[in-house]
Amino acid sequence: MDRTLATVEEMERYCAEHPRSPAALRHPRLSVRGRTFIALLGATIEGGIAGFGDNVGAALRAFDAQYQRMLSPSADRP
């Protein structure tokens, strides 16, 4: 199976299993750098919301966690 098709299918499966997750609602762009999958919402990693993982599911879970952190009030942010 083509790697791109497999990646898309894994993302679709994750979103179907977690329909209210930020990944399912916002559809981040997926890419692969070496062995690391990246789920990115925004133009750049520095300016957007990103999740990294060894597989599609791990990257999307990390994206969901980062998205939630960005929405949560924090004492660390001004």
C-alpha atoms as a PDB file:
ATOM      1  CA  MET A   1       0.000   0.000   0.000  1.00  0.00           C
ATOM      2  CA  ASP A   2       1.197   3.498  -0.814  1.00  0.00           C
ATOM      3  CA  ARG A   3       2.568   5.271   2.289  1.00  0.00           C
ATOM      4  CA  THR A   4       0.531   8.419   1.621  1.00  0.00           C
ATOM      5  CA  LEU A   5      -2.695   6.442   1.304  1.00  0.00           C
ATOM      6  CA  ALA A   6      -1.902   4.510   4.483  1.00  0.00           C
ATOM      7  CA  THR A   7      -1.235   7.789   6.326  1.00  0.00           C
ATOM      8  CA  VAL A   8      -4.544   9.272   5.165  1.00  0.00           C
ATOM      9  CA  GLU A   9      -6.398   6.108   6.193  1.00  0.00           C
ATOM     10  CA  GLU A  10      -4.774   6.179   9.640  1.00  0.00           C
ATOM     11  CA  MET A  11      -5.824   9.817  10.091  1.00  0.00           C
ATOM     12  CA  GLU A  12      -9.383   9.025   8.970  1.00  0.00           C
ATOM     13  CA  ARG A  13      -9.529   6.104  11.417  1.00  0.00           C
ATOM     14  CA  TYR A  14      -8.226   8.269  14.279  1.00  0.00           C
ATOM     15  CA  CYS A  15     -10.782  10.993  13.519  1.00  0.00           C
ATOM     16  CA  ALA A  16     -13.613   8.452  13.321  1.00  0.00           C
ATOM     17  CA  GLU A  17     -12.584   7.023  16.700  1.00  0.00           C
ATOM     18  CA  HIS A  18     -12.219  10.512  18.249  1.00  0.00           C
ATOM     19  CA  PRO A  19     -14.827  12.625  16.429  1.00  0.00           C
ATOM     20  CA  ARG A  20     -14.730  15.521  18.904  1.00  0.00           C
ATOM     21  CA  SER A  21     -10.965  15.746  19.107  1.00  0.00           C
ATOM     22  CA  PRO A  22      -9.169  18.846  17.846  1.00  0.00           C
ATOM     23  CA  ALA A  23      -7.589  16.729  15.100  1.00  0.00           C
ATOM     24  CA  ALA A  24     -11.003  15.563  13.868  1.00  0.00           C
ATOM     25  CA  LEU A  25     -12.467  19.062  14.016  1.00  0.00           C
ATOM     26  CA  ARG A  26      -9.500  21.069  12.675  1.00  0.00           C
ATOM     27  CA  HIS A  27      -7.859  18.561  10.248  1.00  0.00           C
ATOM     28  CA  PRO A  28      -4.175  19.404  10.712  1.00  0.00           C
ATOM     29  CA  ARG A  29      -1.811  18.815   7.805  1.00  0.00           C
ATOM     30  CA  LEU A  30       0.255  15.624   8.165  1.00  0.00           C
ATOM     31  CA  SER A  31       3.844  15.266   7.052  1.00  0.00           C
ATOM     32  CA  VAL A  32       6.776  12.962   7.759  1.00  0.00           C
ATOM     33  CA  ARG A  33      10.351  13.988   8.532  1.00  0.00           C
ATOM     34  CA  GLY A  34      12.571  10.936   8.684  1.00  0.00           C
ATOM     35  CA  ARG A  35      10.707   8.634  11.069  1.00  0.00           C
ATOM     36  CA  THR A  36       8.694  11.377  12.770  1.00  0.00           C
ATOM     37  CA  PHE A  37       5.117  12.179  11.839  1.00  0.00           C
ATOM     38  CA  ILE A  38       4.042  15.811  12.219  1.00  0.00           C
ATOM     39  CA  ALA A  39       0.459  17.057  12.553  1.00  0.00           C
ATOM     40  CA  LEU A  40       0.461  20.818  11.913  1.00  0.00           C
ATOM     41  CA  LEU A  41      -2.222  23.479  11.986  1.00  0.00           C
ATOM     42  CA  GLY A  42      -0.754  26.731  10.676  1.00  0.00           C
ATOM     43  CA  ALA A  43       1.916  27.846   8.267  1.00  0.00           C
ATOM     44  CA  THR A  44       4.916  26.925  10.433  1.00  0.00           C
ATOM     45  CA  ILE A  45       5.711  24.776  13.441  1.00  0.00           C
ATOM     46  CA  GLU A  46       6.814  27.876  15.351  1.00  0.00           C
ATOM     47  CA  GLY A  47       3.670  29.857  14.557  1.00  0.00           C
ATOM     48  CA  GLY A  48       1.126  27.057  14.539  1.00  0.00           C
ATOM     49  CA  ILE A  49       0.013  24.126  16.640  1.00  0.00           C
ATOM     50  CA  ALA A  50       1.972  20.930  16.095  1.00  0.00           C
ATOM     51  CA  GLY A  51       2.115  17.376  17.365  1.00  0.00           C
ATOM     52  CA  PHE A  52       4.963  14.934  16.775  1.00  0.00           C
ATOM     53  CA  GLY A  53       5.006  11.154  17.017  1.00  0.00           C
ATOM     54  CA  ASP A  54       6.455   7.880  15.803  1.00  0.00           C
ATOM     55  CA  ASN A  55       3.175   7.115  14.003  1.00  0.00           C
ATOM     56  CA  VAL A  56       0.075   8.957  12.813  1.00  0.00           C
ATOM     57  CA  GLY A  57      -1.935   8.258  15.962  1.00  0.00           C
ATOM     58  CA  ALA A  58       0.855   9.456  18.250  1.00  0.00           C
ATOM     59  CA  ALA A  59       1.270  12.676  16.243  1.00  0.00           C
ATOM     60  CA  LEU A  60      -2.483  13.334  16.328  1.00  0.00           C
ATOM     61  CA  ARG A  61      -2.681  12.640  20.088  1.00  0.00           C
ATOM     62  CA  ALA A  62       0.220  15.052  20.619  1.00  0.00           C
ATOM     63  CA  PHE A  63      -1.526  17.606  18.387  1.00  0.00           C
ATOM     64  CA  ASP A  64      -4.749  17.234  20.411  1.00  0.00           C
ATOM     65  CA  ALA A  65      -2.844  17.745  23.667  1.00  0.00           C
ATOM     66  CA  GLN A  66      -1.001  20.809  22.327  1.00  0.00           C
ATOM     67  CA  TYR A  67      -4.241  22.275  20.953  1.00  0.00           C
ATOM     68  CA  GLN A  68      -5.896  21.894  24.372  1.00  0.00           C
ATOM     69  CA  ARG A  69      -2.873  23.493  26.086  1.00  0.00           C
ATOM     70  CA  MET A  70      -3.131  26.471  23.733  1.00  0.00           C
ATOM     71  CA  LEU A  71      -6.783  26.970  24.694  1.00  0.00           C
ATOM     72  CA  SER A  72      -6.294  26.543  28.445  1.00  0.00           C
ATOM     73  CA  PRO A  73      -5.460  29.525  30.604  1.00  0.00           C
ATOM     74  CA  SER A  74      -1.999  29.204  32.068  1.00  0.00           C
ATOM     75  CA  ALA A  75       0.031  31.027  34.669  1.00  0.00           C
ATOM     76  CA  ASP A  76       3.030  30.684  32.329  1.00  0.00           C
ATOM     77  CA  ARG A  77       1.480  32.939  29.682  1.00  0.00           C
ATOM     78  CA  PRO A  78       1.065  36.706  30.009  1.00  0.00           C
END
